[in-house]
Amino acid sequence: MKLLTEKVTDKVAFAQARDVAEGDKLWIDRSTNTFKMGSSPGHPSTSEVRDNGGWKQCGPFTVSWFDANVMDAKVTDGVSLKTSSTKSRAVRPCIDPAGTAKSKCGKWYVDHK
């Protein structure tokens, strides 16, 4: 699973997973409030995101038979990332593999200037 952003404006982020199985669930978490962008990407902890107002979940998006057997991948809808030239929301990709009780999330990501 990985996080994708637009190449030019970085205003939108998506979660993508490859080698998926039918029934897997994929989503993207997005912080409620923004973070100040630095000269390199930021990776706040879950505690920092929680203390900055928490997050909302976009999804989950369930992997279909077609996603798993033809596309072998799933991409979420996009969520807002940058809100200005100096502020960005924190985002992270998450997946809940079918047949397991344990979901996994990637690192939080805050875009850079």
Protein backbone atom coordinates (compact mmCIF):
# COMPACT_ATOMS: atom_id res chain seq x y z
CA MET A 1 0.00 0.00 0.00
CA LYS A 2 1.26 3.48 -0.76
CA LEU A 3 0.26 7.10 -0.82
CA LEU A 4 0.02 8.96 -4.14
CA THR A 5 -0.18 12.73 -4.67
CA GLU A 6 -0.75 14.85 -7.73
CA LYS A 7 2.51 15.65 -9.48
CA VAL A 8 2.08 19.38 -10.08
CA THR A 9 -0.12 20.97 -7.43
CA ASP A 10 -0.16 18.29 -4.71
CA LYS A 11 -3.67 19.39 -3.75
CA VAL A 12 -5.05 15.82 -3.67
CA ALA A 13 -3.78 12.52 -2.21
CA PHE A 14 -4.88 8.92 -2.91
CA ALA A 15 -4.17 5.53 -1.33
CA GLN A 16 -3.18 2.64 -3.62
CA ALA A 17 -2.72 -1.05 -2.89
CA ARG A 18 -1.37 -3.74 -5.23
CA ASP A 19 -1.62 -7.54 -4.96
CA VAL A 20 -5.05 -7.14 -3.39
CA ALA A 21 -7.62 -9.84 -2.66
CA GLU A 22 -11.37 -9.62 -3.13
CA GLY A 23 -12.91 -8.22 0.05
CA ASP A 24 -9.85 -6.25 1.20
CA LYS A 25 -10.77 -2.76 2.38
CA LEU A 26 -8.64 0.28 1.55
CA TRP A 27 -9.04 3.83 2.82
CA ILE A 28 -7.18 7.06 3.43
CA ASP A 29 -7.11 8.99 6.69
CA ARG A 30 -6.90 12.79 6.51
CA SER A 31 -6.24 15.15 9.42
CA THR A 32 -9.09 17.46 10.35
CA ASN A 33 -6.74 20.42 10.72
CA THR A 34 -3.66 21.51 8.78
CA PHE A 35 0.04 21.40 9.58
CA LYS A 36 2.67 23.97 8.63
CA MET A 37 4.75 22.73 5.69
CA GLY A 38 8.54 22.67 5.92
CA SER A 39 11.24 22.36 3.29
CA SER A 40 10.90 18.55 3.29
CA PRO A 41 7.92 16.22 3.81
CA GLY A 42 6.75 15.82 7.40
CA HIS A 43 5.75 12.64 9.18
CA PRO A 44 3.84 13.51 12.37
CA SER A 45 3.03 10.76 14.83
CA THR A 46 -0.52 9.56 15.34
CA SER A 47 -0.45 11.35 18.72
CA GLU A 48 0.49 14.64 17.04
CA VAL A 49 -2.34 14.26 14.52
CA ARG A 50 -4.77 13.39 17.32
CA ASP A 51 -3.62 16.41 19.37
CA ASN A 52 -4.06 18.65 16.30
CA GLY A 53 -7.78 17.84 16.04
CA GLY A 54 -7.82 14.20 14.92
CA TRP A 55 -8.69 12.82 11.50
CA LYS A 56 -11.48 11.67 9.23
CA GLN A 57 -11.58 8.45 7.27
CA CYS A 58 -12.31 8.47 3.53
CA GLY A 59 -13.66 5.03 2.76
CA PRO A 60 -13.35 2.15 3.17
CA PHE A 61 -13.37 1.09 -0.46
CA THR A 62 -13.88 -2.66 -0.83
CA VAL A 63 -11.79 -4.54 -3.37
CA SER A 64 -14.04 -6.21 -5.95
CA TRP A 65 -13.42 -9.40 -7.94
CA PHE A 66 -12.45 -7.21 -10.92
CA ASP A 67 -10.01 -5.14 -8.82
CA ALA A 68 -8.36 -8.30 -7.46
CA ASN A 69 -8.31 -10.53 -10.55
CA VAL A 70 -8.05 -8.13 -13.49
CA MET A 71 -6.55 -4.88 -12.18
CA ASP A 72 -4.63 -6.46 -9.25
CA ALA A 73 -4.87 -3.05 -7.55
CA LYS A 74 -7.25 -0.65 -5.84
CA VAL A 75 -7.08 3.16 -5.57
CA THR A 76 -9.21 5.27 -3.23
CA ASP A 77 -10.99 8.48 -4.07
CA GLY A 78 -8.81 11.54 -3.56
CA VAL A 79 -8.76 13.72 -0.45
CA SER A 80 -7.67 17.33 -0.01
CA LEU A 81 -3.97 17.65 0.87
CA LYS A 82 -2.57 21.18 0.50
CA THR A 83 -4.83 24.03 1.55
CA SER A 84 -2.38 26.87 0.79
CA SER A 85 1.26 27.37 -0.13
CA THR A 86 2.25 26.90 3.53
CA LYS A 87 -0.38 24.53 5.00
CA SER A 88 -1.08 20.84 4.34
CA ARG A 89 -3.28 18.22 5.91
CA ALA A 90 -1.65 15.02 7.16
CA VAL A 91 -2.72 11.91 5.24
CA ARG A 92 -1.98 8.18 5.45
CA PRO A 93 -3.07 5.06 3.54
CA CYS A 94 -4.70 2.14 5.39
CA ILE A 95 -5.77 -1.39 4.49
CA ASP A 96 -7.79 -4.10 6.20
CA PRO A 97 -6.98 -7.40 4.46
CA ALA A 98 -10.00 -9.69 4.01
CA GLY A 99 -10.22 -12.51 6.52
CA THR A 100 -8.02 -10.82 9.11
CA ALA A 101 -8.87 -8.78 12.16
CA LYS A 102 -5.89 -6.47 11.83
CA SER A 103 -5.78 -3.33 9.72
CA LYS A 104 -2.50 -1.63 8.80
CA CYS A 105 -1.76 2.03 8.15
CA GLY A 106 1.26 3.73 6.62
CA LYS A 107 3.10 6.71 8.06
CA TRP A 108 1.39 10.07 8.24
CA TYR A 109 2.55 12.43 5.48
CA VAL A 110 2.53 16.24 5.38
CA ASP A 111 3.52 17.79 2.06
CA HIS A 112 6.44 20.22 1.73
CA LYS A 113 6.96 23.62 0.09
